[in-house]
Amino acid sequence: MRKEDILARSRQENEGMDEREKYIYIQAGSWAAKIGCVICMLLTLVEALSGNGINYGNWAIYDSIYASAYLIRGIKLKSAGTIIGGVIMAVCGILFVILHLRKILG
């Protein structure tokens, strides 16, 4: 591959963002996911201790966000492990949707 082709591809992949901005977006997304998980765990704990059962909707939302991120990343990077992780998260998300619907519909 010629140098000009490599530079053109790099510009196209990074359009609108420099490396620093890209790194910051990645770090922000990573922290957002961690904080989201902690909040889901805290809500689940409080709900379980209160005797009201568990709101599976929180986990359905969290898993669907993670599943879509893993699947898109895995497809774009052609990474089988990441795709498998996305499928596992999607299955968990679907399971939590079913559990949530069963709880609210009786």
PDB file of N, CA and C in Angstrom:
ATOM      1  N   MET A   1       0.844  -1.177   0.000  1.00  0.00           N
ATOM      2  CA  MET A   1       0.000   0.000   0.000  1.00  0.00           C
ATOM      3  C   MET A   1       0.894   1.246   0.000  1.00  0.00           C
ATOM      4  N   ARG A   2       0.485   2.226  -0.759  1.00  0.00           N
ATOM      5  CA  ARG A   2       1.283   3.446  -0.836  1.00  0.00           C
ATOM      6  C   ARG A   2       0.983   4.352   0.357  1.00  0.00           C
ATOM      7  N   LYS A   3       1.942   5.204   0.653  1.00  0.00           N
ATOM      8  CA  LYS A   3       1.832   6.128   1.778  1.00  0.00           C
ATOM      9  C   LYS A   3       0.599   7.009   1.644  1.00  0.00           C
ATOM     10  N   GLU A   4       0.332   7.489   0.429  1.00  0.00           N
ATOM     11  CA  GLU A   4      -0.827   8.364   0.206  1.00  0.00           C
ATOM     12  C   GLU A   4      -2.137   7.637   0.491  1.00  0.00           C
ATOM     13  N   ASP A   5      -2.208   6.349   0.121  1.00  0.00           N
ATOM     14  CA  ASP A   5      -3.417   5.560   0.376  1.00  0.00           C
ATOM     15  C   ASP A   5      -3.637   5.375   1.876  1.00  0.00           C
ATOM     16  N   ILE A   6      -2.543   5.100   2.583  1.00  0.00           N
ATOM     17  CA  ILE A   6      -2.637   4.912   4.030  1.00  0.00           C
ATOM     18  C   ILE A   6      -3.094   6.206   4.706  1.00  0.00           C
ATOM     19  N   LEU A   7      -2.532   7.328   4.316  1.00  0.00           N
ATOM     20  CA  LEU A   7      -2.921   8.622   4.892  1.00  0.00           C
ATOM     21  C   LEU A   7      -4.375   8.954   4.570  1.00  0.00           C
ATOM     22  N   ALA A   8      -4.800   8.677   3.345  1.00  0.00           N
ATOM     23  CA  ALA A   8      -6.191   8.951   2.956  1.00  0.00           C
ATOM     24  C   ALA A   8      -7.150   8.097   3.783  1.00  0.00           C
ATOM     25  N   ARG A   9      -6.827   6.824   3.983  1.00  0.00           N
ATOM     26  CA  ARG A   9      -7.680   5.938   4.776  1.00  0.00           C
ATOM     27  C   ARG A   9      -7.726   6.407   6.230  1.00  0.00           C
ATOM     28  N   SER A  10      -6.582   6.807   6.770  1.00  0.00           N
ATOM     29  CA  SER A  10      -6.524   7.289   8.145  1.00  0.00           C
ATOM     30  C   SER A  10      -7.367   8.554   8.316  1.00  0.00           C
ATOM     31  N   ARG A  11      -7.267   9.467   7.363  1.00  0.00           N
ATOM     32  CA  ARG A  11      -8.078  10.695   7.434  1.00  0.00           C
ATOM     33  C   ARG A  11      -9.566  10.367   7.389  1.00  0.00           C
ATOM     34  N   GLN A  12      -9.920   9.411   6.541  1.00  0.00           N
ATOM     35  CA  GLN A  12     -11.333   9.037   6.414  1.00  0.00           C
ATOM     36  C   GLN A  12     -11.841   8.400   7.708  1.00  0.00           C
ATOM     37  N   GLU A  13     -11.042   7.527   8.325  1.00  0.00           N
ATOM     38  CA  GLU A  13     -11.447   6.872   9.567  1.00  0.00           C
ATOM     39  C   GLU A  13     -11.538   7.851  10.729  1.00  0.00           C
ATOM     40  N   ASN A  14     -10.709   8.868  10.734  1.00  0.00           N
ATOM     41  CA  ASN A  14     -10.646   9.811  11.850  1.00  0.00           C
ATOM     42  C   ASN A  14     -11.263  11.160  11.524  1.00  0.00           C
ATOM     43  N   GLU A  15     -12.150  11.210  10.539  1.00  0.00           N
ATOM     44  CA  GLU A  15     -12.688  12.501  10.126  1.00  0.00           C
ATOM     45  C   GLU A  15     -13.377  13.208  11.284  1.00  0.00           C
ATOM     46  N   GLY A  16     -13.041  14.453  11.448  1.00  0.00           N
ATOM     47  CA  GLY A  16     -13.658  15.273  12.486  1.00  0.00           C
ATOM     48  C   GLY A  16     -13.056  15.117  13.867  1.00  0.00           C
ATOM     49  N   MET A  17     -12.137  14.156  14.065  1.00  0.00           N
ATOM     50  CA  MET A  17     -11.561  13.944  15.386  1.00  0.00           C
ATOM     51  C   MET A  17     -10.057  13.723  15.285  1.00  0.00           C
ATOM     52  N   ASP A  18      -9.346  14.315  16.207  1.00  0.00           N
ATOM     53  CA  ASP A  18      -7.924  13.997  16.294  1.00  0.00           C
ATOM     54  C   ASP A  18      -7.755  12.844  17.276  1.00  0.00           C
ATOM     55  N   GLU A  19      -6.546  12.360  17.431  1.00  0.00           N
ATOM     56  CA  GLU A  19      -6.278  11.204  18.291  1.00  0.00           C
ATOM     57  C   GLU A  19      -6.646  11.477  19.746  1.00  0.00           C
ATOM     58  N   ARG A  20      -6.394  12.685  20.222  1.00  0.00           N
ATOM     59  CA  ARG A  20      -6.709  13.037  21.607  1.00  0.00           C
ATOM     60  C   ARG A  20      -8.215  12.969  21.845  1.00  0.00           C
ATOM     61  N   GLU A  21      -8.988  13.546  20.936  1.00  0.00           N
ATOM     62  CA  GLU A  21     -10.443  13.518  21.077  1.00  0.00           C
ATOM     63  C   GLU A  21     -10.961  12.078  21.057  1.00  0.00           C
ATOM     64  N   LYS A  22     -10.425  11.281  20.162  1.00  0.00           N
ATOM     65  CA  LYS A  22     -10.837   9.896  20.057  1.00  0.00           C
ATOM     66  C   LYS A  22     -10.566   9.157  21.371  1.00  0.00           C
ATOM     67  N   TYR A  23      -9.396   9.363  21.945  1.00  0.00           N
ATOM     68  CA  TYR A  23      -9.024   8.738  23.204  1.00  0.00           C
ATOM     69  C   TYR A  23      -9.978   9.172  24.318  1.00  0.00           C
ATOM     70  N   ILE A  24     -10.306  10.459  24.359  1.00  0.00           N
ATOM     71  CA  ILE A  24     -11.214  10.975  25.385  1.00  0.00           C
ATOM     72  C   ILE A  24     -12.599  10.359  25.247  1.00  0.00           C
ATOM     73  N   TYR A  25     -13.105  10.227  24.021  1.00  0.00           N
ATOM     74  CA  TYR A  25     -14.405   9.592  23.794  1.00  0.00           C
ATOM     75  C   TYR A  25     -14.396   8.142  24.261  1.00  0.00           C
ATOM     76  N   ILE A  26     -13.318   7.438  23.988  1.00  0.00           N
ATOM     77  CA  ILE A  26     -13.206   6.039  24.412  1.00  0.00           C
ATOM     78  C   ILE A  26     -13.209   5.953  25.929  1.00  0.00           C
ATOM     79  N   GLN A  27     -12.416   6.799  26.585  1.00  0.00           N
ATOM     80  CA  GLN A  27     -12.356   6.797  28.047  1.00  0.00           C
ATOM     81  C   GLN A  27     -13.707   7.171  28.656  1.00  0.00           C
ATOM     82  N   ALA A  28     -14.377   8.156  28.078  1.00  0.00           N
ATOM     83  CA  ALA A  28     -15.688   8.577  28.591  1.00  0.00           C
ATOM     84  C   ALA A  28     -16.700   7.435  28.472  1.00  0.00           C
ATOM     85  N   GLY A  29     -16.696   6.749  27.350  1.00  0.00           N
ATOM     86  CA  GLY A  29     -17.606   5.626  27.166  1.00  0.00           C
ATOM     87  C   GLY A  29     -17.330   4.497  28.143  1.00  0.00           C
ATOM     88  N   SER A  30     -16.062   4.243  28.381  1.00  0.00           N
ATOM     89  CA  SER A  30     -15.682   3.189  29.316  1.00  0.00           C
ATOM     90  C   SER A  30     -16.151   3.520  30.728  1.00  0.00           C
ATOM     91  N   TRP A  31     -15.925   4.749  31.160  1.00  0.00           N
ATOM     92  CA  TRP A  31     -16.365   5.154  32.496  1.00  0.00           C
ATOM     93  C   TRP A  31     -17.890   5.172  32.600  1.00  0.00           C
ATOM     94  N   ALA A  32     -18.565   5.605  31.552  1.00  0.00           N
ATOM     95  CA  ALA A  32     -20.034   5.622  31.563  1.00  0.00           C
ATOM     96  C   ALA A  32     -20.583   4.208  31.737  1.00  0.00           C
ATOM     97  N   ALA A  33     -19.984   3.246  31.059  1.00  0.00           N
ATOM     98  CA  ALA A  33     -20.429   1.856  31.186  1.00  0.00           C
ATOM     99  C   ALA A  33     -20.199   1.329  32.597  1.00  0.00           C
ATOM    100  N   LYS A  34     -19.066   1.639  33.180  1.00  0.00           N
ATOM    101  CA  LYS A  34     -18.765   1.185  34.542  1.00  0.00           C
ATOM    102  C   LYS A  34     -19.742   1.798  35.546  1.00  0.00           C
ATOM    103  N   ILE A  35     -19.983   3.084  35.422  1.00  0.00           N
ATOM    104  CA  ILE A  35     -20.906   3.767  36.334  1.00  0.00           C
ATOM    105  C   ILE A  35     -22.321   3.233  36.156  1.00  0.00           C
ATOM    106  N   GLY A  36     -22.715   2.983  34.912  1.00  0.00           N
ATOM    107  CA  GLY A  36     -24.034   2.400  34.645  1.00  0.00           C
ATOM    108  C   GLY A  36     -24.194   1.046  35.309  1.00  0.00           C
ATOM    109  N   CYS A  37     -23.152   0.233  35.262  1.00  0.00           N
ATOM    110  CA  CYS A  37     -23.193  -1.088  35.896  1.00  0.00           C
ATOM    111  C   CYS A  37     -23.320  -0.955  37.407  1.00  0.00           C
ATOM    112  N   VAL A  38     -22.563  -0.053  38.004  1.00  0.00           N
ATOM    113  CA  VAL A  38     -22.633   0.149  39.457  1.00  0.00           C
ATOM    114  C   VAL A  38     -24.028   0.618  39.858  1.00  0.00           C
ATOM    115  N   ILE A  39     -24.611   1.518  39.102  1.00  0.00           N
ATOM    116  CA  ILE A  39     -25.960   2.004  39.423  1.00  0.00           C
ATOM    117  C   ILE A  39     -26.978   0.880  39.298  1.00  0.00           C
ATOM    118  N   CYS A  40     -26.859   0.057  38.245  1.00  0.00           N
ATOM    119  CA  CYS A  40     -27.763  -1.090  38.107  1.00  0.00           C
ATOM    120  C   CYS A  40     -27.621  -2.040  39.292  1.00  0.00           C
ATOM    121  N   MET A  41     -26.400  -2.286  39.736  1.00  0.00           N
ATOM    122  CA  MET A  41     -26.185  -3.173  40.880  1.00  0.00           C
ATOM    123  C   MET A  41     -26.786  -2.585  42.146  1.00  0.00           C
ATOM    124  N   LEU A  42     -26.586  -1.289  42.364  1.00  0.00           N
ATOM    125  CA  LEU A  42     -27.143  -0.651  43.563  1.00  0.00           C
ATOM    126  C   LEU A  42     -28.667  -0.686  43.554  1.00  0.00           C
ATOM    127  N   LEU A  43     -29.272  -0.366  42.408  1.00  0.00           N
ATOM    128  CA  LEU A  43     -30.731  -0.415  42.313  1.00  0.00           C
ATOM    129  C   LEU A  43     -31.258  -1.828  42.548  1.00  0.00           C
ATOM    130  N   THR A  44     -30.573  -2.822  41.989  1.00  0.00           N
ATOM    131  CA  THR A  44     -30.984  -4.211  42.173  1.00  0.00           C
ATOM    132  C   THR A  44     -30.888  -4.603  43.646  1.00  0.00           C
ATOM    133  N   LEU A  45     -29.818  -4.199  44.306  1.00  0.00           N
ATOM    134  CA  LEU A  45     -29.636  -4.511  45.726  1.00  0.00           C
ATOM    135  C   LEU A  45     -30.721  -3.860  46.575  1.00  0.00           C
ATOM    136  N   VAL A  46     -30.981  -2.581  46.343  1.00  0.00           N
ATOM    137  CA  VAL A  46     -32.000  -1.874  47.125  1.00  0.00           C
ATOM    138  C   VAL A  46     -33.378  -2.491  46.884  1.00  0.00           C
ATOM    139  N   GLU A  47     -33.674  -2.823  45.633  1.00  0.00           N
ATOM    140  CA  GLU A  47     -34.976  -3.434  45.324  1.00  0.00           C
ATOM    141  C   GLU A  47     -35.123  -4.793  45.987  1.00  0.00           C
ATOM    142  N   ALA A  48     -34.060  -5.583  45.955  1.00  0.00           N
ATOM    143  CA  ALA A  48     -34.115  -6.916  46.559  1.00  0.00           C
ATOM    144  C   ALA A  48     -34.269  -6.822  48.081  1.00  0.00           C
ATOM    145  N   LEU A  49     -33.534  -5.888  48.701  1.00  0.00           N
ATOM    146  CA  LEU A  49     -33.607  -5.739  50.155  1.00  0.00           C
ATOM    147  C   LEU A  49     -34.928  -5.134  50.613  1.00  0.00           C
ATOM    148  N   SER A  50     -35.573  -4.370  49.756  1.00  0.00           N
ATOM    149  CA  SER A  50     -36.836  -3.735  50.129  1.00  0.00           C
ATOM    150  C   SER A  50     -38.012  -4.700  50.069  1.00  0.00           C
ATOM    151  N   GLY A  51     -37.796  -5.865  49.481  1.00  0.00           N
ATOM    152  CA  GLY A  51     -38.870  -6.850  49.386  1.00  0.00           C
ATOM    153  C   GLY A  51     -39.773  -6.655  48.194  1.00  0.00           C
ATOM    154  N   ASN A  52     -39.436  -5.732  47.320  1.00  0.00           N
ATOM    155  CA  ASN A  52     -40.271  -5.465  46.144  1.00  0.00           C
ATOM    156  C   ASN A  52     -39.865  -6.287  44.922  1.00  0.00           C
ATOM    157  N   GLY A  53     -38.917  -7.174  45.082  1.00  0.00           N
ATOM    158  CA  GLY A  53     -38.444  -7.943  43.935  1.00  0.00           C
ATOM    159  C   GLY A  53     -37.427  -7.136  43.152  1.00  0.00           C
ATOM    160  N   ILE A  54     -37.057  -7.641  42.015  1.00  0.00           N
ATOM    161  CA  ILE A  54     -36.020  -7.005  41.202  1.00  0.00           C
ATOM    162  C   ILE A  54     -36.631  -6.444  39.925  1.00  0.00           C
ATOM    163  N   ASN A  55     -36.229  -5.231  39.579  1.00  0.00           N
ATOM    164  CA  ASN A  55     -36.646  -4.610  38.325  1.00  0.00           C
ATOM    165  C   ASN A  55     -35.641  -5.029  37.248  1.00  0.00           C
ATOM    166  N   TYR A  56     -36.005  -6.017  36.469  1.00  0.00           N
ATOM    167  CA  TYR A  56     -35.094  -6.527  35.445  1.00  0.00           C
ATOM    168  C   TYR A  56     -34.938  -5.563  34.275  1.00  0.00           C
ATOM    169  N   GLY A  57     -35.794  -4.557  34.209  1.00  0.00           N
ATOM    170  CA  GLY A  57     -35.718  -3.581  33.125  1.00  0.00           C
ATOM    171  C   GLY A  57     -34.401  -2.835  33.098  1.00  0.00           C
ATOM    172  N   ASN A  58     -33.852  -2.546  34.286  1.00  0.00           N
ATOM    173  CA  ASN A  58     -32.553  -1.861  34.353  1.00  0.00           C
ATOM    174  C   ASN A  58     -31.484  -2.672  33.636  1.00  0.00           C
ATOM    175  N   TRP A  59     -31.467  -3.977  33.925  1.00  0.00           N
ATOM    176  CA  TRP A  59     -30.451  -4.847  33.322  1.00  0.00           C
ATOM    177  C   TRP A  59     -30.705  -5.062  31.842  1.00  0.00           C
ATOM    178  N   ALA A  60     -31.975  -5.073  31.439  1.00  0.00           N
ATOM    179  CA  ALA A  60     -32.298  -5.220  30.018  1.00  0.00           C
ATOM    180  C   ALA A  60     -31.728  -4.044  29.221  1.00  0.00           C
ATOM    181  N   ILE A  61     -31.876  -2.853  29.760  1.00  0.00           N
ATOM    182  CA  ILE A  61     -31.348  -1.664  29.096  1.00  0.00           C
ATOM    183  C   ILE A  61     -29.825  -1.699  29.069  1.00  0.00           C
ATOM    184  N   TYR A  62     -29.217  -2.003  30.205  1.00  0.00           N
ATOM    185  CA  TYR A  62     -27.756  -2.040  30.284  1.00  0.00           C
ATOM    186  C   TYR A  62     -27.179  -3.075  29.317  1.00  0.00           C
ATOM    187  N   ASP A  63     -27.759  -4.277  29.317  1.00  0.00           N
ATOM    188  CA  ASP A  63     -27.253  -5.326  28.431  1.00  0.00           C
ATOM    189  C   ASP A  63     -27.460  -4.993  26.960  1.00  0.00           C
ATOM    190  N   SER A  64     -28.571  -4.354  26.629  1.00  0.00           N
ATOM    191  CA  SER A  64     -28.803  -4.009  25.217  1.00  0.00           C
ATOM    192  C   SER A  64     -27.801  -2.955  24.733  1.00  0.00           C
ATOM    193  N   ILE A  65     -27.444  -2.030  25.598  1.00  0.00           N
ATOM    194  CA  ILE A  65     -26.431  -1.029  25.225  1.00  0.00           C
ATOM    195  C   ILE A  65     -25.095  -1.714  24.992  1.00  0.00           C
ATOM    196  N   TYR A  66     -24.710  -2.572  25.927  1.00  0.00           N
ATOM    197  CA  TYR A  66     -23.434  -3.274  25.791  1.00  0.00           C
ATOM    198  C   TYR A  66     -23.441  -4.222  24.591  1.00  0.00           C
ATOM    199  N   ALA A  67     -24.546  -4.930  24.389  1.00  0.00           N
ATOM    200  CA  ALA A  67     -24.633  -5.878  23.270  1.00  0.00           C
ATOM    201  C   ALA A  67     -24.451  -5.159  21.941  1.00  0.00           C
ATOM    202  N   SER A  68     -25.134  -4.034  21.775  1.00  0.00           N
ATOM    203  CA  SER A  68     -25.014  -3.310  20.507  1.00  0.00           C
ATOM    204  C   SER A  68     -23.596  -2.783  20.313  1.00  0.00           C
ATOM    205  N   ALA A  69     -22.974  -2.288  21.382  1.00  0.00           N
ATOM    206  CA  ALA A  69     -21.605  -1.786  21.264  1.00  0.00           C
ATOM    207  C   ALA A  69     -20.636  -2.913  20.897  1.00  0.00           C
ATOM    208  N   TYR A  70     -20.761  -4.059  21.564  1.00  0.00           N
ATOM    209  CA  TYR A  70     -19.884  -5.195  21.272  1.00  0.00           C
ATOM    210  C   TYR A  70     -20.107  -5.712  19.860  1.00  0.00           C
ATOM    211  N   LEU A  71     -21.370  -5.833  19.449  1.00  0.00           N
ATOM    212  CA  LEU A  71     -21.649  -6.364  18.113  1.00  0.00           C
ATOM    213  C   LEU A  71     -21.119  -5.441  17.021  1.00  0.00           C
ATOM    214  N   ILE A  72     -21.354  -4.154  17.164  1.00  0.00           N
ATOM    215  CA  ILE A  72     -20.859  -3.209  16.157  1.00  0.00           C
ATOM    216  C   ILE A  72     -19.336  -3.224  16.114  1.00  0.00           C
ATOM    217  N   ARG A  73     -18.711  -3.184  17.281  1.00  0.00           N
ATOM    218  CA  ARG A  73     -17.248  -3.216  17.338  1.00  0.00           C
ATOM    219  C   ARG A  73     -16.709  -4.523  16.746  1.00  0.00           C
ATOM    220  N   GLY A  74     -17.325  -5.633  17.106  1.00  0.00           N
ATOM    221  CA  GLY A  74     -16.873  -6.932  16.608  1.00  0.00           C
ATOM    222  C   GLY A  74     -17.016  -7.077  15.104  1.00  0.00           C
ATOM    223  N   ILE A  75     -18.119  -6.575  14.562  1.00  0.00           N
ATOM    224  CA  ILE A  75     -18.331  -6.651  13.113  1.00  0.00           C
ATOM    225  C   ILE A  75     -17.343  -5.755  12.383  1.00  0.00           C
ATOM    226  N   LYS A  76     -17.183  -4.532  12.873  1.00  0.00           N
ATOM    227  CA  LYS A  76     -16.267  -3.593  12.212  1.00  0.00           C
ATOM    228  C   LYS A  76     -14.816  -4.062  12.282  1.00  0.00           C
ATOM    229  N   LEU A  77     -14.416  -4.650  13.424  1.00  0.00           N
ATOM    230  CA  LEU A  77     -13.035  -5.099  13.594  1.00  0.00           C
ATOM    231  C   LEU A  77     -12.832  -6.560  13.189  1.00  0.00           C
ATOM    232  N   LYS A  78     -13.929  -7.220  12.808  1.00  0.00           N
ATOM    233  CA  LYS A  78     -13.881  -8.638  12.440  1.00  0.00           C
ATOM    234  C   LYS A  78     -13.259  -9.481  13.556  1.00  0.00           C
ATOM    235  N   SER A  79     -13.765  -9.263  14.770  1.00  0.00           N
ATOM    236  CA  SER A  79     -13.257  -9.944  15.955  1.00  0.00           C
ATOM    237  C   SER A  79     -14.306 -10.929  16.462  1.00  0.00           C
ATOM    238  N   ALA A  80     -14.028 -12.214  16.292  1.00  0.00           N
ATOM    239  CA  ALA A  80     -14.989 -13.245  16.683  1.00  0.00           C
ATOM    240  C   ALA A  80     -15.278 -13.199  18.180  1.00  0.00           C
ATOM    241  N   GLY A  81     -14.259 -12.986  18.998  1.00  0.00           N
ATOM    242  CA  GLY A  81     -14.454 -12.935  20.439  1.00  0.00           C
ATOM    243  C   GLY A  81     -15.382 -11.812  20.857  1.00  0.00           C
ATOM    244  N   THR A  82     -15.237 -10.664  20.235  1.00  0.00           N
ATOM    245  CA  THR A  82     -16.089  -9.520  20.555  1.00  0.00           C
ATOM    246  C   THR A  82     -17.524  -9.775  20.087  1.00  0.00           C
ATOM    247  N   ILE A  83     -17.677 -10.404  18.932  1.00  0.00           N
ATOM    248  CA  ILE A  83     -19.019 -10.739  18.438  1.00  0.00           C
ATOM    249  C   ILE A  83     -19.684 -11.731  19.384  1.00  0.00           C
ATOM    250  N   ILE A  84     -18.940 -12.729  19.838  1.00  0.00           N
ATOM    251  CA  ILE A  84     -19.495 -13.711  20.782  1.00  0.00           C
ATOM    252  C   ILE A  84     -19.916 -13.017  22.075  1.00  0.00           C
ATOM    253  N   GLY A  85     -19.094 -12.090  22.563  1.00  0.00           N
ATOM    254  CA  GLY A  85     -19.465 -11.315  23.747  1.00  0.00           C
ATOM    255  C   GLY A  85     -20.746 -10.531  23.522  1.00  0.00           C
ATOM    256  N   GLY A  86     -20.881  -9.942  22.335  1.00  0.00           N
ATOM    257  CA  GLY A  86     -22.093  -9.204  22.005  1.00  0.00           C
ATOM    258  C   GLY A  86     -23.320 -10.090  21.956  1.00  0.00           C
ATOM    259  N   VAL A  87     -23.166 -11.285  21.407  1.00  0.00           N
ATOM    260  CA  VAL A  87     -24.292 -12.229  21.347  1.00  0.00           C
ATOM    261  C   VAL A  87     -24.690 -12.657  22.757  1.00  0.00           C
ATOM    262  N   ILE A  88     -23.705 -12.916  23.606  1.00  0.00           N
ATOM    263  CA  ILE A  88     -24.007 -13.293  24.991  1.00  0.00           C
ATOM    264  C   ILE A  88     -24.749 -12.169  25.705  1.00  0.00           C
ATOM    265  N   MET A  89     -24.285 -10.934  25.523  1.00  0.00           N
ATOM    266  CA  MET A  89     -24.965  -9.788  26.148  1.00  0.00           C
ATOM    267  C   MET A  89     -26.376  -9.627  25.577  1.00  0.00           C
ATOM    268  N   ALA A  90     -26.546  -9.866  24.277  1.00  0.00           N
ATOM    269  CA  ALA A  90     -27.874  -9.756  23.664  1.00  0.00           C
ATOM    270  C   ALA A  90     -28.817 -10.810  24.238  1.00  0.00           C
ATOM    271  N   VAL A  91     -28.329 -12.030  24.404  1.00  0.00           N
ATOM    272  CA  VAL A  91     -29.153 -13.091  24.987  1.00  0.00           C
ATOM    273  C   VAL A  91     -29.542 -12.726  26.418  1.00  0.00           C
ATOM    274  N   CYS A  92     -28.594 -12.212  27.185  1.00  0.00           N
ATOM    275  CA  CYS A  92     -28.900 -11.771  28.554  1.00  0.00           C
ATOM    276  C   CYS A  92     -29.932 -10.651  28.538  1.00  0.00           C
ATOM    277  N   GLY A  93     -29.762  -9.708  27.624  1.00  0.00           N
ATOM    278  CA  GLY A  93     -30.718  -8.607  27.515  1.00  0.00           C
ATOM    279  C   GLY A  93     -32.117  -9.094  27.190  1.00  0.00           C
ATOM    280  N   ILE A  94     -32.215 -10.048  26.266  1.00  0.00           N
ATOM    281  CA  ILE A  94     -33.526 -10.609  25.902  1.00  0.00           C
ATOM    282  C   ILE A  94     -34.131 -11.345  27.091  1.00  0.00           C
ATOM    283  N   LEU A  95     -33.300 -12.087  27.808  1.00  0.00           N
ATOM    284  CA  LEU A  95     -33.776 -12.788  29.002  1.00  0.00           C
ATOM    285  C   LEU A  95     -34.317 -11.799  30.031  1.00  0.00           C
ATOM    286  N   PHE A  96     -33.599 -10.703  30.257  1.00  0.00           N
ATOM    287  CA  PHE A  96     -34.065  -9.705  31.220  1.00  0.00           C
ATOM    288  C   PHE A  96     -35.342  -9.007  30.745  1.00  0.00           C
ATOM    289  N   VAL A  97     -35.495  -8.794  29.451  1.00  0.00           N
ATOM    290  CA  VAL A  97     -36.747  -8.222  28.926  1.00  0.00           C
ATOM    291  C   VAL A  97     -37.907  -9.171  29.220  1.00  0.00           C
ATOM    292  N   ILE A  98     -37.697 -10.460  28.964  1.00  0.00           N
ATOM    293  CA  ILE A  98     -38.747 -11.454  29.221  1.00  0.00           C
ATOM    294  C   ILE A  98     -39.097 -11.487  30.710  1.00  0.00           C
ATOM    295  N   LEU A  99     -38.080 -11.515  31.567  1.00  0.00           N
ATOM    296  CA  LEU A  99     -38.335 -11.522  33.014  1.00  0.00           C
ATOM    297  C   LEU A  99     -39.062 -10.262  33.464  1.00  0.00           C
ATOM    298  N   HIS A 100     -38.664  -9.129  32.905  1.00  0.00           N
ATOM    299  CA  HIS A 100     -39.317  -7.860  33.263  1.00  0.00           C
ATOM    300  C   HIS A 100     -40.778  -7.866  32.824  1.00  0.00           C
ATOM    301  N   LEU A 101     -41.036  -8.304  31.605  1.00  0.00           N
ATOM    302  CA  LEU A 101     -42.410  -8.347  31.108  1.00  0.00           C
ATOM    303  C   LEU A 101     -43.261  -9.322  31.913  1.00  0.00           C
ATOM    304  N   ARG A 102     -42.696 -10.468  32.283  1.00  0.00           N
ATOM    305  CA  ARG A 102     -43.424 -11.418  33.107  1.00  0.00           C
ATOM    306  C   ARG A 102     -43.803 -10.810  34.446  1.00  0.00           C
ATOM    307  N   LYS A 103     -42.872 -10.025  35.017  1.00  0.00           N
ATOM    308  CA  LYS A 103     -43.138  -9.419  36.313  1.00  0.00           C
ATOM    309  C   LYS A 103     -44.234  -8.367  36.225  1.00  0.00           C
ATOM    310  N   ILE A 104     -44.184  -7.507  35.215  1.00  0.00           N
ATOM    311  CA  ILE A 104     -45.174  -6.425  35.168  1.00  0.00           C
ATOM    312  C   ILE A 104     -46.523  -6.879  34.595  1.00  0.00           C
ATOM    313  N   LEU A 105     -46.521  -7.922  33.800  1.00  0.00           N
ATOM    314  CA  LEU A 105     -47.794  -8.403  33.230  1.00  0.00           C
ATOM    315  C   LEU A 105     -48.423  -9.511  34.040  1.00  0.00           C
ATOM    316  N   GLY A 106     -47.670 -10.024  34.990  1.00  0.00           N
ATOM    317  CA  GLY A 106     -48.217 -11.059  35.870  1.00  0.00           C
ATOM    318  C   GLY A 106     -48.070 -12.382  35.287  1.00  0.00           C
TER     319      GLY A 106
END
